[in-house]
Amino acid sequence: MEGIASFLKVLADPTRLRILHALQGGERCVSDLLAELPCTQANVSKHLALLRTAGIVEFRRQGTQVYYRIADPAVFAICGVVCGAMQRSLDEKRVELKAGKAALAAGARA
C-alpha cells in the first residue's frame, strides 16, 4: 500500500501532470519543456527527478541535452480513469442541480 500511495503522490501535482502531458507526444528535451511550462529550470528539474525516481519517466543524454520520455504509457490510463471519475461526478451534480432548479421553479408556480 505504501508503494501505491507513493506512486499516486508523485502524480498528485499539477506541474508534474503538465510535464506528463507535454511528454505524451513523445520524447522532449528540458529546454522544450521549459518553453511550455510556467516554471524555472530548477523547478522542472526537481519535478523530473521525482518522476524519474518513481519510474514514470526515463531519460537519455545527447551531448549537453537531456531528453525525457514516458517510461510506461499506462500512466495515461491512470489519468484517464481519474478524469472519467471526475466527469461522472460532475454529470451527477449537473443532474441534481437541474432537478433542484426544476423543483424551485415548480414551487414558485404553485
PDB file of N, CA and C in Angstrom:
ATOM      1  N   MET A   1       0.821  -1.201   0.000  1.00  0.00           N
ATOM      2  CA  MET A   1       0.000   0.000   0.000  1.00  0.00           C
ATOM      3  C   MET A   1       0.863   1.262   0.000  1.00  0.00           C
ATOM      4  N   GLU A   2       1.970   1.187   0.703  1.00  0.00           N
ATOM      5  CA  GLU A   2       2.861   2.359   0.751  1.00  0.00           C
ATOM      6  C   GLU A   2       3.389   2.701  -0.640  1.00  0.00           C
ATOM      7  N   GLY A   3       3.752   1.677  -1.406  1.00  0.00           N
ATOM      8  CA  GLY A   3       4.269   1.902  -2.750  1.00  0.00           C
ATOM      9  C   GLY A   3       3.237   2.535  -3.658  1.00  0.00           C
ATOM     10  N   ILE A   4       2.003   2.069  -3.569  1.00  0.00           N
ATOM     11  CA  ILE A   4       0.920   2.635  -4.380  1.00  0.00           C
ATOM     12  C   ILE A   4       0.687   4.091  -3.991  1.00  0.00           C
ATOM     13  N   ALA A   5       0.663   4.347  -2.689  1.00  0.00           N
ATOM     14  CA  ALA A   5       0.445   5.720  -2.209  1.00  0.00           C
ATOM     15  C   ALA A   5       1.576   6.635  -2.679  1.00  0.00           C
ATOM     16  N   SER A   6       2.797   6.154  -2.637  1.00  0.00           N
ATOM     17  CA  SER A   6       3.936   6.967  -3.083  1.00  0.00           C
ATOM     18  C   SER A   6       3.839   7.277  -4.569  1.00  0.00           C
ATOM     19  N   PHE A   7       3.467   6.267  -5.357  1.00  0.00           N
ATOM     20  CA  PHE A   7       3.326   6.460  -6.797  1.00  0.00           C
ATOM     21  C   PHE A   7       2.251   7.498  -7.100  1.00  0.00           C
ATOM     22  N   LEU A   8       1.093   7.351  -6.456  1.00  0.00           N
ATOM     23  CA  LEU A   8      -0.004   8.296  -6.688  1.00  0.00           C
ATOM     24  C   LEU A   8       0.346   9.691  -6.187  1.00  0.00           C
ATOM     25  N   LYS A   9       1.128   9.769  -5.135  1.00  0.00           N
ATOM     26  CA  LYS A   9       1.546  11.065  -4.602  1.00  0.00           C
ATOM     27  C   LYS A   9       2.389  11.817  -5.635  1.00  0.00           C
ATOM     28  N   VAL A  10       3.219  11.084  -6.363  1.00  0.00           N
ATOM     29  CA  VAL A  10       4.035  11.717  -7.406  1.00  0.00           C
ATOM     30  C   VAL A  10       3.131  12.298  -8.491  1.00  0.00           C
ATOM     31  N   LEU A  11       2.035  11.626  -8.785  1.00  0.00           N
ATOM     32  CA  LEU A  11       1.113  12.116  -9.811  1.00  0.00           C
ATOM     33  C   LEU A  11       0.242  13.267  -9.310  1.00  0.00           C
ATOM     34  N   ALA A  12       0.193  13.468  -8.011  1.00  0.00           N
ATOM     35  CA  ALA A  12      -0.725  14.442  -7.414  1.00  0.00           C
ATOM     36  C   ALA A  12      -0.139  15.849  -7.374  1.00  0.00           C
ATOM     37  N   ASP A  13       0.395  16.288  -8.505  1.00  0.00           N
ATOM     38  CA  ASP A  13       0.950  17.634  -8.577  1.00  0.00           C
ATOM     39  C   ASP A  13       0.660  18.200  -9.965  1.00  0.00           C
ATOM     40  N   PRO A  14       0.073  19.385 -10.060  1.00  0.00           N
ATOM     41  CA  PRO A  14      -0.280  19.945 -11.362  1.00  0.00           C
ATOM     42  C   PRO A  14       0.916  20.120 -12.302  1.00  0.00           C
ATOM     43  N   THR A  15       2.052  20.529 -11.778  1.00  0.00           N
ATOM     44  CA  THR A  15       3.223  20.719 -12.640  1.00  0.00           C
ATOM     45  C   THR A  15       3.686  19.392 -13.209  1.00  0.00           C
ATOM     46  N   ARG A  16       3.707  18.355 -12.384  1.00  0.00           N
ATOM     47  CA  ARG A  16       4.122  17.046 -12.897  1.00  0.00           C
ATOM     48  C   ARG A  16       3.127  16.522 -13.924  1.00  0.00           C
ATOM     49  N   LEU A  17       1.842  16.776 -13.722  1.00  0.00           N
ATOM     50  CA  LEU A  17       0.845  16.375 -14.717  1.00  0.00           C
ATOM     51  C   LEU A  17       1.047  17.149 -16.018  1.00  0.00           C
ATOM     52  N   ARG A  18       1.403  18.421 -15.924  1.00  0.00           N
ATOM     53  CA  ARG A  18       1.687  19.201 -17.136  1.00  0.00           C
ATOM     54  C   ARG A  18       2.908  18.638 -17.869  1.00  0.00           C
ATOM     55  N   ILE A  19       3.913  18.230 -17.121  1.00  0.00           N
ATOM     56  CA  ILE A  19       5.098  17.616 -17.729  1.00  0.00           C
ATOM     57  C   ILE A  19       4.707  16.334 -18.457  1.00  0.00           C
ATOM     58  N   LEU A  20       3.921  15.495 -17.802  1.00  0.00           N
ATOM     59  CA  LEU A  20       3.478  14.254 -18.438  1.00  0.00           C
ATOM     60  C   LEU A  20       2.681  14.547 -19.699  1.00  0.00           C
ATOM     61  N   HIS A  21       1.822  15.556 -19.638  1.00  0.00           N
ATOM     62  CA  HIS A  21       1.036  15.933 -20.813  1.00  0.00           C
ATOM     63  C   HIS A  21       1.971  16.355 -21.954  1.00  0.00           C
ATOM     64  N   ALA A  22       3.003  17.124 -21.630  1.00  0.00           N
ATOM     65  CA  ALA A  22       3.956  17.566 -22.648  1.00  0.00           C
ATOM     66  C   ALA A  22       4.711  16.381 -23.244  1.00  0.00           C
ATOM     67  N   LEU A  23       4.973  15.362 -22.432  1.00  0.00           N
ATOM     68  CA  LEU A  23       5.712  14.193 -22.910  1.00  0.00           C
ATOM     69  C   LEU A  23       4.813  13.179 -23.618  1.00  0.00           C
ATOM     70  N   GLN A  24       3.515  13.387 -23.559  1.00  0.00           N
ATOM     71  CA  GLN A  24       2.577  12.444 -24.174  1.00  0.00           C
ATOM     72  C   GLN A  24       2.820  12.340 -25.683  1.00  0.00           C
ATOM     73  N   GLY A  25       3.269  13.423 -26.290  1.00  0.00           N
ATOM     74  CA  GLY A  25       3.529  13.415 -27.729  1.00  0.00           C
ATOM     75  C   GLY A  25       4.865  12.814 -28.110  1.00  0.00           C
ATOM     76  N   GLY A  26       5.663  12.449 -27.127  1.00  0.00           N
ATOM     77  CA  GLY A  26       6.970  11.857 -27.408  1.00  0.00           C
ATOM     78  C   GLY A  26       8.078  12.510 -26.605  1.00  0.00           C
ATOM     79  N   GLU A  27       9.256  12.041 -26.863  1.00  0.00           N
ATOM     80  CA  GLU A  27      10.450  12.486 -26.140  1.00  0.00           C
ATOM     81  C   GLU A  27      10.671  13.992 -26.327  1.00  0.00           C
ATOM     82  N   ARG A  28      11.078  14.645 -25.234  1.00  0.00           N
ATOM     83  CA  ARG A  28      11.317  16.094 -25.253  1.00  0.00           C
ATOM     84  C   ARG A  28      12.559  16.411 -24.443  1.00  0.00           C
ATOM     85  N   CYS A  29      13.294  17.426 -24.884  1.00  0.00           N
ATOM     86  CA  CYS A  29      14.435  17.881 -24.092  1.00  0.00           C
ATOM     87  C   CYS A  29      13.931  18.890 -23.064  1.00  0.00           C
ATOM     88  N   VAL A  30      14.757  19.143 -22.067  1.00  0.00           N
ATOM     89  CA  VAL A  30      14.361  20.024 -20.965  1.00  0.00           C
ATOM     90  C   VAL A  30      14.024  21.425 -21.482  1.00  0.00           C
ATOM     91  N   SER A  31      14.798  21.929 -22.437  1.00  0.00           N
ATOM     92  CA  SER A  31      14.512  23.282 -22.948  1.00  0.00           C
ATOM     93  C   SER A  31      13.144  23.339 -23.629  1.00  0.00           C
ATOM     94  N   ASP A  32      12.727  22.261 -24.295  1.00  0.00           N
ATOM     95  CA  ASP A  32      11.383  22.211 -24.879  1.00  0.00           C
ATOM     96  C   ASP A  32      10.321  22.258 -23.788  1.00  0.00           C
ATOM     97  N   LEU A  33      10.547  21.518 -22.714  1.00  0.00           N
ATOM     98  CA  LEU A  33       9.597  21.506 -21.599  1.00  0.00           C
ATOM     99  C   LEU A  33       9.503  22.890 -20.962  1.00  0.00           C
ATOM    100  N   LEU A  34      10.652  23.552 -20.814  1.00  0.00           N
ATOM    101  CA  LEU A  34      10.665  24.888 -20.217  1.00  0.00           C
ATOM    102  C   LEU A  34       9.855  25.878 -21.041  1.00  0.00           C
ATOM    103  N   ALA A  35       9.867  25.708 -22.357  1.00  0.00           N
ATOM    104  CA  ALA A  35       9.114  26.613 -23.230  1.00  0.00           C
ATOM    105  C   ALA A  35       7.605  26.446 -23.041  1.00  0.00           C
ATOM    106  N   GLU A  36       7.171  25.287 -22.573  1.00  0.00           N
ATOM    107  CA  GLU A  36       5.736  25.015 -22.413  1.00  0.00           C
ATOM    108  C   GLU A  36       5.230  25.216 -20.996  1.00  0.00           C
ATOM    109  N   LEU A  37       6.132  25.245 -20.039  1.00  0.00           N
ATOM    110  CA  LEU A  37       5.709  25.279 -18.637  1.00  0.00           C
ATOM    111  C   LEU A  37       6.070  26.608 -17.985  1.00  0.00           C
ATOM    112  N   PRO A  38       5.205  27.103 -17.118  1.00  0.00           N
ATOM    113  CA  PRO A  38       5.497  28.361 -16.419  1.00  0.00           C
ATOM    114  C   PRO A  38       6.376  28.115 -15.192  1.00  0.00           C
ATOM    115  N   CYS A  39       7.553  27.519 -15.415  1.00  0.00           N
ATOM    116  CA  CYS A  39       8.431  27.137 -14.307  1.00  0.00           C
ATOM    117  C   CYS A  39       9.877  27.492 -14.623  1.00  0.00           C
ATOM    118  N   THR A  40      10.665  27.532 -13.587  1.00  0.00           N
ATOM    119  CA  THR A  40      12.102  27.707 -13.773  1.00  0.00           C
ATOM    120  C   THR A  40      12.736  26.365 -14.115  1.00  0.00           C
ATOM    121  N   GLN A  41      13.961  26.405 -14.614  1.00  0.00           N
ATOM    122  CA  GLN A  41      14.653  25.164 -14.937  1.00  0.00           C
ATOM    123  C   GLN A  41      14.860  24.321 -13.676  1.00  0.00           C
ATOM    124  N   ALA A  42      15.168  24.972 -12.565  1.00  0.00           N
ATOM    125  CA  ALA A  42      15.375  24.232 -11.313  1.00  0.00           C
ATOM    126  C   ALA A  42      14.093  23.509 -10.894  1.00  0.00           C
ATOM    127  N   ASN A  43      12.961  24.174 -11.050  1.00  0.00           N
ATOM    128  CA  ASN A  43      11.682  23.583 -10.672  1.00  0.00           C
ATOM    129  C   ASN A  43      11.341  22.395 -11.575  1.00  0.00           C
ATOM    130  N   VAL A  44      11.510  22.555 -12.881  1.00  0.00           N
ATOM    131  CA  VAL A  44      11.234  21.466 -13.815  1.00  0.00           C
ATOM    132  C   VAL A  44      12.167  20.287 -13.526  1.00  0.00           C
ATOM    133  N   SER A  45      13.427  20.577 -13.280  1.00  0.00           N
ATOM    134  CA  SER A  45      14.391  19.511 -12.981  1.00  0.00           C
ATOM    135  C   SER A  45      14.018  18.747 -11.718  1.00  0.00           C
ATOM    136  N   LYS A  46      13.532  19.464 -10.711  1.00  0.00           N
ATOM    137  CA  LYS A  46      13.100  18.814  -9.469  1.00  0.00           C
ATOM    138  C   LYS A  46      11.928  17.871  -9.740  1.00  0.00           C
ATOM    139  N   HIS A  47      10.958  18.336 -10.505  1.00  0.00           N
ATOM    140  CA  HIS A  47       9.797  17.509 -10.820  1.00  0.00           C
ATOM    141  C   HIS A  47      10.182  16.305 -11.687  1.00  0.00           C
ATOM    142  N   LEU A  48      11.067  16.525 -12.651  1.00  0.00           N
ATOM    143  CA  LEU A  48      11.521  15.416 -13.496  1.00  0.00           C
ATOM    144  C   LEU A  48      12.262  14.370 -12.667  1.00  0.00           C
ATOM    145  N   ALA A  49      13.032  14.812 -11.691  1.00  0.00           N
ATOM    146  CA  ALA A  49      13.757  13.870 -10.826  1.00  0.00           C
ATOM    147  C   ALA A  49      12.772  13.009 -10.037  1.00  0.00           C
ATOM    148  N   LEU A  50      11.704  13.607  -9.537  1.00  0.00           N
ATOM    149  CA  LEU A  50      10.691  12.839  -8.804  1.00  0.00           C
ATOM    150  C   LEU A  50       9.991  11.841  -9.727  1.00  0.00           C
ATOM    151  N   LEU A  51       9.667  12.273 -10.937  1.00  0.00           N
ATOM    152  CA  LEU A  51       9.027  11.378 -11.902  1.00  0.00           C
ATOM    153  C   LEU A  51       9.964  10.238 -12.301  1.00  0.00           C
ATOM    154  N   ARG A  52      11.232  10.553 -12.420  1.00  0.00           N
ATOM    155  CA  ARG A  52      12.239   9.541 -12.769  1.00  0.00           C
ATOM    156  C   ARG A  52      12.412   8.536 -11.637  1.00  0.00           C
ATOM    157  N   THR A  53      12.494   9.013 -10.421  1.00  0.00           N
ATOM    158  CA  THR A  53      12.638   8.130  -9.250  1.00  0.00           C
ATOM    159  C   THR A  53      11.450   7.188  -9.128  1.00  0.00           C
ATOM    160  N   ALA A  54      10.266   7.671  -9.470  1.00  0.00           N
ATOM    161  CA  ALA A  54       9.049   6.849  -9.403  1.00  0.00           C
ATOM    162  C   ALA A  54       8.949   5.883 -10.584  1.00  0.00           C
ATOM    163  N   GLY A  55       9.848   6.025 -11.557  1.00  0.00           N
ATOM    164  CA  GLY A  55       9.817   5.144 -12.721  1.00  0.00           C
ATOM    165  C   GLY A  55       8.790   5.546 -13.765  1.00  0.00           C
ATOM    166  N   ILE A  56       8.314   6.769 -13.672  1.00  0.00           N
ATOM    167  CA  ILE A  56       7.285   7.241 -14.603  1.00  0.00           C
ATOM    168  C   ILE A  56       7.905   7.771 -15.891  1.00  0.00           C
ATOM    169  N   VAL A  57       9.078   8.397 -15.776  1.00  0.00           N
ATOM    170  CA  VAL A  57       9.796   8.865 -16.960  1.00  0.00           C
ATOM    171  C   VAL A  57      11.199   8.267 -16.982  1.00  0.00           C
ATOM    172  N   GLU A  58      11.757   8.239 -18.177  1.00  0.00           N
ATOM    173  CA  GLU A  58      13.145   7.816 -18.385  1.00  0.00           C
ATOM    174  C   GLU A  58      13.846   8.952 -19.113  1.00  0.00           C
ATOM    175  N   PHE A  59      15.163   8.906 -19.128  1.00  0.00           N
ATOM    176  CA  PHE A  59      15.885   9.965 -19.828  1.00  0.00           C
ATOM    177  C   PHE A  59      17.104   9.385 -20.542  1.00  0.00           C
ATOM    178  N   ARG A  60      17.614  10.174 -21.477  1.00  0.00           N
ATOM    179  CA  ARG A  60      18.868   9.860 -22.148  1.00  0.00           C
ATOM    180  C   ARG A  60      19.591  11.170 -22.399  1.00  0.00           C
ATOM    181  N   ARG A  61      20.894  11.076 -22.436  1.00  0.00           N
ATOM    182  CA  ARG A  61      21.712  12.257 -22.710  1.00  0.00           C
ATOM    183  C   ARG A  61      22.192  12.206 -24.148  1.00  0.00           C
ATOM    184  N   GLN A  62      22.183  13.370 -24.774  1.00  0.00           N
ATOM    185  CA  GLN A  62      22.752  13.509 -26.106  1.00  0.00           C
ATOM    186  C   GLN A  62      23.534  14.811 -26.107  1.00  0.00           C
ATOM    187  N   GLY A  63      24.817  14.694 -25.974  1.00  0.00           N
ATOM    188  CA  GLY A  63      25.650  15.886 -25.832  1.00  0.00           C
ATOM    189  C   GLY A  63      25.322  16.588 -24.534  1.00  0.00           C
ATOM    190  N   THR A  64      24.971  17.844 -24.642  1.00  0.00           N
ATOM    191  CA  THR A  64      24.627  18.610 -23.437  1.00  0.00           C
ATOM    192  C   THR A  64      23.136  18.562 -23.123  1.00  0.00           C
ATOM    193  N   GLN A  65      22.354  17.992 -24.025  1.00  0.00           N
ATOM    194  CA  GLN A  65      20.908  17.927 -23.834  1.00  0.00           C
ATOM    195  C   GLN A  65      20.506  16.639 -23.111  1.00  0.00           C
ATOM    196  N   VAL A  66      19.458  16.756 -22.311  1.00  0.00           N
ATOM    197  CA  VAL A  66      18.856  15.599 -21.659  1.00  0.00           C
ATOM    198  C   VAL A  66      17.434  15.487 -22.192  1.00  0.00           C
ATOM    199  N   TYR A  67      17.107  14.312 -22.704  1.00  0.00           N
ATOM    200  CA  TYR A  67      15.794  14.063 -23.281  1.00  0.00           C
ATOM    201  C   TYR A  67      15.007  13.129 -22.366  1.00  0.00           C
ATOM    202  N   TYR A  68      13.746  13.482 -22.136  1.00  0.00           N
ATOM    203  CA  TYR A  68      12.868  12.683 -21.273  1.00  0.00           C
ATOM    204  C   TYR A  68      11.754  12.073 -22.106  1.00  0.00           C
ATOM    205  N   ARG A  69      11.291  10.914 -21.668  1.00  0.00           N
ATOM    206  CA  ARG A  69      10.175  10.221 -22.308  1.00  0.00           C
ATOM    207  C   ARG A  69       9.397   9.475 -21.238  1.00  0.00           C
ATOM    208  N   ILE A  70       8.185   9.102 -21.559  1.00  0.00           N
ATOM    209  CA  ILE A  70       7.342   8.328 -20.654  1.00  0.00           C
ATOM    210  C   ILE A  70       7.901   6.907 -20.593  1.00  0.00           C
ATOM    211  N   ALA A  71       8.089   6.396 -19.389  1.00  0.00           N
ATOM    212  CA  ALA A  71       8.608   5.032 -19.223  1.00  0.00           C
ATOM    213  C   ALA A  71       7.526   3.993 -19.463  1.00  0.00           C
ATOM    214  N   ASP A  72       6.312   4.287 -19.029  1.00  0.00           N
ATOM    215  CA  ASP A  72       5.214   3.343 -19.190  1.00  0.00           C
ATOM    216  C   ASP A  72       3.942   4.129 -19.500  1.00  0.00           C
ATOM    217  N   PRO A  73       3.425   4.005 -20.730  1.00  0.00           N
ATOM    218  CA  PRO A  73       2.228   4.767 -21.098  1.00  0.00           C
ATOM    219  C   PRO A  73       1.003   4.448 -20.251  1.00  0.00           C
ATOM    220  N   ALA A  74       1.064   3.429 -19.419  1.00  0.00           N
ATOM    221  CA  ALA A  74      -0.068   3.115 -18.532  1.00  0.00           C
ATOM    222  C   ALA A  74      -0.384   4.281 -17.603  1.00  0.00           C
ATOM    223  N   VAL A  75       0.569   5.177 -17.400  1.00  0.00           N
ATOM    224  CA  VAL A  75       0.319   6.338 -16.551  1.00  0.00           C
ATOM    225  C   VAL A  75      -0.839   7.163 -17.123  1.00  0.00           C
ATOM    226  N   PHE A  76      -0.993   7.155 -18.446  1.00  0.00           N
ATOM    227  CA  PHE A  76      -2.096   7.898 -19.058  1.00  0.00           C
ATOM    228  C   PHE A  76      -3.422   7.193 -18.842  1.00  0.00           C
ATOM    229  N   ALA A  77      -3.394   5.883 -18.716  1.00  0.00           N
ATOM    230  CA  ALA A  77      -4.616   5.146 -18.381  1.00  0.00           C
ATOM    231  C   ALA A  77      -5.072   5.522 -16.979  1.00  0.00           C
ATOM    232  N   ILE A  78      -4.129   5.671 -16.065  1.00  0.00           N
ATOM    233  CA  ILE A  78      -4.459   6.090 -14.697  1.00  0.00           C
ATOM    234  C   ILE A  78      -5.112   7.470 -14.731  1.00  0.00           C
ATOM    235  N   CYS A  79      -4.506   8.388 -15.473  1.00  0.00           N
ATOM    236  CA  CYS A  79      -5.067   9.740 -15.585  1.00  0.00           C
ATOM    237  C   CYS A  79      -6.445   9.698 -16.231  1.00  0.00           C
ATOM    238  N   GLY A  80      -6.623   8.821 -17.212  1.00  0.00           N
ATOM    239  CA  GLY A  80      -7.922   8.688 -17.867  1.00  0.00           C
ATOM    240  C   GLY A  80      -9.000   8.195 -16.922  1.00  0.00           C
ATOM    241  N   VAL A  81      -8.644   7.252 -16.057  1.00  0.00           N
ATOM    242  CA  VAL A  81      -9.605   6.744 -15.076  1.00  0.00           C
ATOM    243  C   VAL A  81     -10.013   7.863 -14.122  1.00  0.00           C
ATOM    244  N   VAL A  82      -9.046   8.656 -13.678  1.00  0.00           N
ATOM    245  CA  VAL A  82      -9.348   9.766 -12.767  1.00  0.00           C
ATOM    246  C   VAL A  82     -10.245  10.787 -13.462  1.00  0.00           C
ATOM    247  N   CYS A  83      -9.911  11.129 -14.706  1.00  0.00           N
ATOM    248  CA  CYS A  83     -10.737  12.097 -15.447  1.00  0.00           C
ATOM    249  C   CYS A  83     -12.149  11.565 -15.655  1.00  0.00           C
ATOM    250  N   GLY A  84     -12.274  10.278 -15.938  1.00  0.00           N
ATOM    251  CA  GLY A  84     -13.597   9.677 -16.109  1.00  0.00           C
ATOM    252  C   GLY A  84     -14.414   9.743 -14.836  1.00  0.00           C
ATOM    253  N   ALA A  85     -13.771   9.459 -13.712  1.00  0.00           N
ATOM    254  CA  ALA A  85     -14.468   9.528 -12.425  1.00  0.00           C
ATOM    255  C   ALA A  85     -14.918  10.958 -12.131  1.00  0.00           C
ATOM    256  N   MET A  86     -14.053  11.914 -12.434  1.00  0.00           N
ATOM    257  CA  MET A  86     -14.411  13.316 -12.218  1.00  0.00           C
ATOM    258  C   MET A  86     -15.575  13.722 -13.118  1.00  0.00           C
ATOM    259  N   GLN A  87     -15.560  13.256 -14.369  1.00  0.00           N
ATOM    260  CA  GLN A  87     -16.637  13.581 -15.307  1.00  0.00           C
ATOM    261  C   GLN A  87     -17.966  13.016 -14.825  1.00  0.00           C
ATOM    262  N   ARG A  88     -17.950  11.761 -14.356  1.00  0.00           N
ATOM    263  CA  ARG A  88     -19.193  11.153 -13.850  1.00  0.00           C
ATOM    264  C   ARG A  88     -19.724  11.922 -12.650  1.00  0.00           C
ATOM    265  N   SER A  89     -18.826  12.333 -11.765  1.00  0.00           N
ATOM    266  CA  SER A  89     -19.242  13.100 -10.589  1.00  0.00           C
ATOM    267  C   SER A  89     -19.853  14.434 -11.000  1.00  0.00           C
ATOM    268  N   LEU A  90     -19.233  15.115 -11.947  1.00  0.00           N
ATOM    269  CA  LEU A  90     -19.782  16.383 -12.428  1.00  0.00           C
ATOM    270  C   LEU A  90     -21.126  16.183 -13.112  1.00  0.00           C
ATOM    271  N   ASP A  91     -21.254  15.096 -13.886  1.00  0.00           N
ATOM    272  CA  ASP A  91     -22.526  14.806 -14.546  1.00  0.00           C
ATOM    273  C   ASP A  91     -23.629  14.582 -13.522  1.00  0.00           C
ATOM    274  N   GLU A  92     -23.327  13.852 -12.441  1.00  0.00           N
ATOM    275  CA  GLU A  92     -24.311  13.611 -11.381  1.00  0.00           C
ATOM    276  C   GLU A  92     -24.722  14.921 -10.723  1.00  0.00           C
ATOM    277  N   LYS A  93     -23.759  15.782 -10.460  1.00  0.00           N
ATOM    278  CA  LYS A  93     -24.068  17.076  -9.846  1.00  0.00           C
ATOM    279  C   LYS A  93     -24.912  17.925 -10.782  1.00  0.00           C
ATOM    280  N   ARG A  94     -24.629  17.849 -12.074  1.00  0.00           N
ATOM    281  CA  ARG A  94     -25.401  18.601 -13.057  1.00  0.00           C
ATOM    282  C   ARG A  94     -26.860  18.140 -13.051  1.00  0.00           C
ATOM    283  N   VAL A  95     -27.079  16.833 -12.983  1.00  0.00           N
ATOM    284  CA  VAL A  95     -28.443  16.286 -12.933  1.00  0.00           C
ATOM    285  C   VAL A  95     -29.143  16.750 -11.660  1.00  0.00           C
ATOM    286  N   GLU A  96     -28.430  16.706 -10.531  1.00  0.00           N
ATOM    287  CA  GLU A  96     -29.011  17.146  -9.256  1.00  0.00           C
ATOM    288  C   GLU A  96     -29.368  18.627  -9.302  1.00  0.00           C
ATOM    289  N   LEU A  97     -28.501  19.445  -9.871  1.00  0.00           N
ATOM    290  CA  LEU A  97     -28.780  20.878  -9.974  1.00  0.00           C
ATOM    291  C   LEU A  97     -29.988  21.145 -10.870  1.00  0.00           C
ATOM    292  N   LYS A  98     -30.069  20.397 -11.967  1.00  0.00           N
ATOM    293  CA  LYS A  98     -31.208  20.551 -12.873  1.00  0.00           C
ATOM    294  C   LYS A  98     -32.512  20.183 -12.166  1.00  0.00           C
ATOM    295  N   ALA A  99     -32.482  19.087 -11.389  1.00  0.00           N
ATOM    296  CA  ALA A  99     -33.677  18.665 -10.641  1.00  0.00           C
ATOM    297  C   ALA A  99     -34.029  19.704  -9.579  1.00  0.00           C
ATOM    298  N   GLY A 100     -33.029  20.245  -8.903  1.00  0.00           N
ATOM    299  CA  GLY A 100     -33.278  21.273  -7.896  1.00  0.00           C
ATOM    300  C   GLY A 100     -33.852  22.531  -8.501  1.00  0.00           C
ATOM    301  N   LYS A 101     -33.324  22.915  -9.646  1.00  0.00           N
ATOM    302  CA  LYS A 101     -33.830  24.098 -10.338  1.00  0.00           C
ATOM    303  C   LYS A 101     -35.285  23.893 -10.764  1.00  0.00           C
ATOM    304  N   ALA A 102     -35.587  22.696 -11.273  1.00  0.00           N
ATOM    305  CA  ALA A 102     -36.962  22.382 -11.682  1.00  0.00           C
ATOM    306  C   ALA A 102     -37.899  22.406 -10.478  1.00  0.00           C
ATOM    307  N   ALA A 103     -37.447  21.863  -9.327  1.00  0.00           N
ATOM    308  CA  ALA A 103     -38.272  21.847  -8.125  1.00  0.00           C
ATOM    309  C   ALA A 103     -38.535  23.267  -7.635  1.00  0.00           C
ATOM    310  N   LEU A 104     -37.523  24.122  -7.693  1.00  0.00           N
ATOM    311  CA  LEU A 104     -37.717  25.524  -7.287  1.00  0.00           C
ATOM    312  C   LEU A 104     -38.692  26.224  -8.216  1.00  0.00           C
ATOM    313  N   ALA A 105     -38.559  25.964  -9.509  1.00  0.00           N
ATOM    314  CA  ALA A 105     -39.457  26.602 -10.483  1.00  0.00           C
ATOM    315  C   ALA A 105     -40.894  26.127 -10.258  1.00  0.00           C
ATOM    316  N   ALA A 106     -41.079  24.822  -9.983  1.00  0.00           N
ATOM    317  CA  ALA A 106     -42.422  24.273  -9.733  1.00  0.00           C
ATOM    318  C   ALA A 106     -42.996  24.857  -8.465  1.00  0.00           C
ATOM    319  N   GLY A 107     -42.162  25.050  -7.438  1.00  0.00           N
ATOM    320  CA  GLY A 107     -42.625  25.632  -6.175  1.00  0.00           C
ATOM    321  C   GLY A 107     -43.020  27.083  -6.353  1.00  0.00           C
ATOM    322  N   ALA A 108     -42.358  27.796  -7.217  1.00  0.00           N
ATOM    323  CA  ALA A 108     -42.671  29.194  -7.458  1.00  0.00           C
ATOM    324  C   ALA A 108     -43.994  29.342  -8.202  1.00  0.00           C
ATOM    325  N   ARG A 109     -44.327  28.333  -9.009  1.00  0.00           N
ATOM    326  CA  ARG A 109     -45.580  28.378  -9.765  1.00  0.00           C
ATOM    327  C   ARG A 109     -46.777  27.986  -8.904  1.00  0.00           C
ATOM    328  N   ALA A 110     -46.536  27.252  -7.847  1.00  0.00           N
ATOM    329  CA  ALA A 110     -47.651  26.732  -7.029  1.00  0.00           C
ATOM    330  C   ALA A 110     -48.239  27.784  -6.125  1.00  0.00           C
TER     331      ALA A 110
END
